[in-house]
Amino acid sequence: MLLYYITDRTQFPGDEVSRRRLLLDKIGEAVASGVDFIQLREKDLAAGELETLACEAVRVVQKNSRTETRLLINSRSDVAIASSADGVHLRSDDISLRDVRSLWQRSGAGRTPVIGSSCHSPADNVERARTEGADLTVFGPVFEKNNANTNQGGLGLELLSHACKIKIPVLALGGITFENARACVDAGASGIAAIRLFQENEIAEVVRRLRD
C-alpha cells in the first residue's frame, strides 16, 4: 500500500516558528517510518517562504540516505526545482504536465521529476492524468468531510473503483481513517493520502496498522 502524507503546519500548536519545527519533525518521522510520498502543501506561504521551508524539508528527507520517500511540492514547480525536491503535485486546474516537464528540463535540474495530479472524476481527471504521463493521481474526496469549515459529501467507493480501472496508480483521499483505508484498497486504490491520519498519530504506528 502506497502512503502519501500531505502536510498542513497550521494544524500544529504554537506560533509560526513552533509550527514549522513540528512540521519538519513530522516529516522526519514520516521518512523514518517508510512513507512513500510527502506533499508539502503549505498554500498560504509566499514563494520565498515556501522555498525556504522546502529546502529545510529536503534536508530532512536526505538525512536518511537510504530513504525512498519522495518529497513533492504542491503546485509550485519553480519552488520544487529551486529546492531540489523530487517533484511536484498539480491541482486539477494547474499548468499541464507537459509544461512542468519542459520547465524541469530547461532548468537543468538533471533529474526526472515525480508528478502527481489531483483528480475528482474518473472519466476526465484520471484519464487525462494518465494520458499526459502523470506518475500517480490523488482521487477524492472519497468519504464525507465534516468540520467547522466544510460539510462536503464524498465521491464514494464506487467512483473510486471506476477511477482505479484506469492504468495509473490512484491514491484515495478525503476522510481516510484506519477503519476505511482497507476498503479503498479493496476498491482498487494503490494506497491512501491523508493529512490528519499522519499528523494526529505516530506515523510508525500508522504505517504498521495500514500495511499489516
Protein backbone atom coordinates (compact mmCIF):
# COMPACT_ATOMS: atom_id res chain seq x y z
CA MET A 1 0.00 0.00 0.00
CA LEU A 2 1.40 3.38 -1.04
CA LEU A 3 1.25 6.00 1.70
CA TYR A 4 1.09 9.71 0.89
CA TYR A 5 1.37 12.29 3.67
CA ILE A 6 0.02 15.77 2.89
CA THR A 7 1.34 18.46 5.22
CA ASP A 8 -0.54 21.23 7.00
CA ARG A 9 1.55 23.05 9.59
CA THR A 10 -1.46 25.18 10.64
CA GLN A 11 -2.85 22.15 12.47
CA PHE A 12 0.10 22.17 14.87
CA PRO A 13 0.00 24.25 18.08
CA GLY A 14 2.10 27.30 18.85
CA ASP A 15 3.47 30.21 16.89
CA GLU A 16 4.80 30.04 13.33
CA VAL A 17 8.32 29.07 14.39
CA SER A 18 6.97 26.24 16.55
CA ARG A 19 4.65 25.02 13.83
CA ARG A 20 7.44 24.84 11.27
CA ARG A 21 9.67 22.96 13.70
CA LEU A 22 6.89 20.48 14.47
CA LEU A 23 6.19 20.06 10.76
CA LEU A 24 9.83 19.28 9.98
CA ASP A 25 9.90 16.82 12.88
CA LYS A 26 6.78 15.11 11.45
CA ILE A 27 8.39 14.96 8.00
CA GLY A 28 11.44 13.29 9.56
CA GLU A 29 9.13 10.84 11.32
CA ALA A 30 7.39 10.05 8.02
CA VAL A 31 10.70 9.40 6.28
CA ALA A 32 11.97 7.16 9.06
CA SER A 33 8.70 5.21 9.02
CA GLY A 34 8.82 4.48 5.29
CA VAL A 35 6.07 6.74 3.94
CA ASP A 36 6.32 6.76 0.15
CA PHE A 37 5.41 10.37 -0.63
CA ILE A 38 5.25 13.64 1.26
CA GLN A 39 3.41 16.55 -0.33
CA LEU A 40 4.48 19.91 1.09
CA ARG A 41 1.15 21.72 0.86
CA GLU A 42 1.58 25.00 2.73
CA LYS A 43 -0.64 27.02 0.41
CA ASP A 44 -0.67 30.20 2.47
CA LEU A 45 3.09 30.79 2.23
CA ALA A 46 4.60 33.22 -0.26
CA ALA A 47 7.02 31.73 -2.76
CA GLY A 48 10.14 32.78 -0.86
CA GLU A 49 8.89 31.40 2.45
CA LEU A 50 7.76 28.20 0.79
CA GLU A 51 11.15 27.76 -0.86
CA THR A 52 12.92 28.20 2.47
CA LEU A 53 10.66 25.61 4.11
CA ALA A 54 11.02 23.28 1.11
CA CYS A 55 14.82 23.43 1.33
CA GLU A 56 14.64 22.56 5.02
CA ALA A 57 12.28 19.68 4.25
CA VAL A 58 14.60 18.37 1.52
CA ARG A 59 17.47 18.33 4.01
CA VAL A 60 15.35 16.37 6.48
CA VAL A 61 14.47 13.80 3.82
CA GLN A 62 18.05 13.49 2.64
CA LYS A 63 19.39 12.86 6.16
CA ASN A 64 18.27 9.29 5.67
CA SER A 65 20.41 8.33 2.68
CA ARG A 66 18.58 5.01 2.29
CA THR A 67 15.13 6.51 2.14
CA GLU A 68 12.85 6.01 -0.82
CA THR A 69 10.49 8.76 0.35
CA ARG A 70 9.79 11.32 -2.38
CA LEU A 71 9.10 14.95 -1.47
CA LEU A 72 6.65 16.76 -3.77
CA ILE A 73 5.84 20.46 -3.65
CA ASN A 74 2.21 21.44 -4.05
CA SER A 75 1.60 23.26 -7.35
CA ARG A 76 4.83 25.32 -7.41
CA SER A 77 7.18 23.73 -9.94
CA ASP A 78 9.59 26.65 -9.58
CA VAL A 79 9.92 26.04 -5.84
CA ALA A 80 10.30 22.30 -6.39
CA ILE A 81 13.19 22.91 -8.80
CA ALA A 82 14.86 25.56 -6.65
CA SER A 83 14.72 23.39 -3.52
CA SER A 84 15.83 20.17 -5.27
CA ALA A 85 12.62 18.42 -4.31
CA ASP A 86 11.72 15.17 -6.06
CA GLY A 87 8.76 16.57 -7.94
CA VAL A 88 5.51 18.47 -7.86
CA HIS A 89 1.86 17.77 -7.16
CA LEU A 90 -0.52 19.55 -9.53
CA ARG A 91 -4.03 20.74 -8.76
CA SER A 92 -6.75 19.80 -11.24
CA ASP A 93 -6.68 23.38 -12.60
CA ASP A 94 -2.88 23.70 -12.67
CA ILE A 95 -0.48 24.01 -15.60
CA SER A 96 -0.13 20.96 -17.81
CA LEU A 97 2.22 18.09 -17.11
CA ARG A 98 3.92 18.84 -20.42
CA ASP A 99 4.69 22.38 -19.22
CA VAL A 100 6.08 21.04 -15.95
CA ARG A 101 8.41 18.61 -17.70
CA SER A 102 9.52 21.32 -20.11
CA LEU A 103 10.23 23.70 -17.22
CA TRP A 104 12.18 20.99 -15.42
CA GLN A 105 14.25 20.23 -18.50
CA ARG A 106 15.03 23.89 -19.17
CA SER A 107 16.11 24.37 -15.56
CA GLY A 108 18.94 21.87 -15.96
CA ALA A 109 17.85 20.12 -12.77
CA GLY A 110 19.27 16.90 -14.17
CA ARG A 111 16.63 14.57 -12.83
CA THR A 112 13.23 13.34 -13.89
CA PRO A 113 10.52 14.79 -11.65
CA VAL A 114 7.81 12.77 -9.98
CA ILE A 115 4.49 14.37 -10.94
CA GLY A 116 1.28 13.76 -9.07
CA SER A 117 -2.13 15.09 -10.01
CA SER A 118 -5.30 15.85 -8.06
CA CYS A 119 -8.35 14.21 -9.61
CA HIS A 120 -12.04 14.47 -8.81
CA SER A 121 -13.68 12.40 -11.56
CA PRO A 122 -12.63 9.14 -13.24
CA ALA A 123 -13.65 9.95 -16.78
CA ASP A 124 -11.97 13.33 -17.12
CA ASN A 125 -9.31 13.96 -14.50
CA VAL A 126 -7.82 10.50 -14.02
CA GLU A 127 -7.83 9.55 -17.69
CA ARG A 128 -6.24 12.89 -18.60
CA ALA A 129 -3.57 12.43 -15.95
CA ARG A 130 -2.74 9.01 -17.37
CA THR A 131 -2.67 10.28 -20.96
CA GLU A 132 -0.41 13.20 -20.07
CA GLY A 133 2.02 10.96 -18.20
CA ALA A 134 1.44 11.64 -14.52
CA ASP A 135 3.17 9.21 -12.17
CA LEU A 136 0.19 8.98 -9.83
CA THR A 137 -3.15 10.57 -9.03
CA VAL A 138 -4.75 11.54 -5.74
CA PHE A 139 -8.51 10.95 -6.05
CA GLY A 140 -11.09 12.43 -3.75
CA PRO A 141 -12.68 13.26 -1.51
CA VAL A 142 -13.76 9.63 -1.24
CA PHE A 143 -15.54 9.95 2.10
CA GLU A 144 -17.61 12.76 3.56
CA LYS A 145 -15.63 15.51 5.25
CA ASN A 146 -17.19 17.32 8.17
CA ASN A 147 -15.51 20.08 10.15
CA ALA A 148 -16.06 23.68 11.11
CA ASN A 149 -15.19 24.93 7.66
CA THR A 150 -16.77 22.42 5.31
CA ASN A 151 -19.52 19.87 5.01
CA GLN A 152 -18.54 18.10 1.83
CA GLY A 153 -20.03 14.86 0.61
CA GLY A 154 -17.65 12.20 -0.58
CA LEU A 155 -17.44 10.73 -4.07
CA GLY A 156 -17.73 7.23 -2.62
CA LEU A 157 -16.09 3.87 -3.15
CA GLU A 158 -17.94 3.17 -6.39
CA LEU A 159 -16.44 6.17 -8.18
CA LEU A 160 -13.07 5.35 -6.64
CA SER A 161 -13.36 1.85 -8.09
CA HIS A 162 -14.09 3.28 -11.55
CA ALA A 163 -11.09 5.58 -11.26
CA CYS A 164 -8.84 2.67 -10.30
CA LYS A 165 -9.66 0.83 -13.52
CA ILE A 166 -7.60 3.43 -15.38
CA LYS A 167 -3.99 2.29 -15.70
CA ILE A 168 -2.29 4.69 -13.30
CA PRO A 169 -1.67 4.48 -9.53
CA VAL A 170 -4.67 6.03 -7.76
CA LEU A 171 -4.45 7.08 -4.11
CA ALA A 172 -7.66 7.63 -2.14
CA LEU A 173 -8.01 10.97 -0.33
CA GLY A 174 -10.65 12.51 1.92
CA GLY A 175 -11.87 11.29 5.27
CA ILE A 176 -9.41 8.38 5.32
CA THR A 177 -9.24 6.52 8.65
CA PHE A 178 -7.76 3.29 9.96
CA GLU A 179 -11.23 1.78 9.61
CA ASN A 180 -11.91 2.66 5.95
CA ALA A 181 -8.43 2.59 4.41
CA ARG A 182 -8.67 -1.12 3.61
CA ALA A 183 -11.98 -0.58 1.79
CA CYS A 184 -10.18 1.88 -0.51
CA VAL A 185 -7.53 -0.70 -1.36
CA ASP A 186 -10.20 -3.35 -1.87
CA ALA A 187 -11.84 -0.93 -4.33
CA GLY A 188 -8.61 -0.91 -6.33
CA ALA A 189 -6.64 2.01 -4.88
CA SER A 190 -2.87 1.70 -4.83
CA GLY A 191 -2.83 3.41 -1.45
CA ILE A 192 -4.14 6.32 0.58
CA ALA A 193 -3.35 10.02 1.02
CA ALA A 194 -4.14 11.97 4.18
CA ILE A 195 -3.30 14.90 6.40
CA ARG A 196 -4.81 14.23 9.82
CA LEU A 197 -4.24 10.48 9.81
CA PHE A 198 -0.50 11.13 9.74
CA GLN A 199 -0.30 14.35 11.72
CA GLU A 200 -2.51 13.25 14.62
CA ASN A 201 -0.90 9.83 15.14
CA GLU A 202 2.55 8.33 15.46
CA ILE A 203 3.45 7.67 11.85
CA ALA A 204 5.27 4.42 12.58
CA GLU A 205 2.02 3.12 14.08
CA VAL A 206 0.02 4.37 11.07
CA VAL A 207 2.36 2.55 8.71
CA ARG A 208 2.28 -0.63 10.76
CA ARG A 209 -1.51 -0.73 11.00
CA LEU A 210 -2.13 0.08 7.35
CA ARG A 211 0.46 -2.28 5.91
CA ASP A 212 -0.09 -5.27 8.20
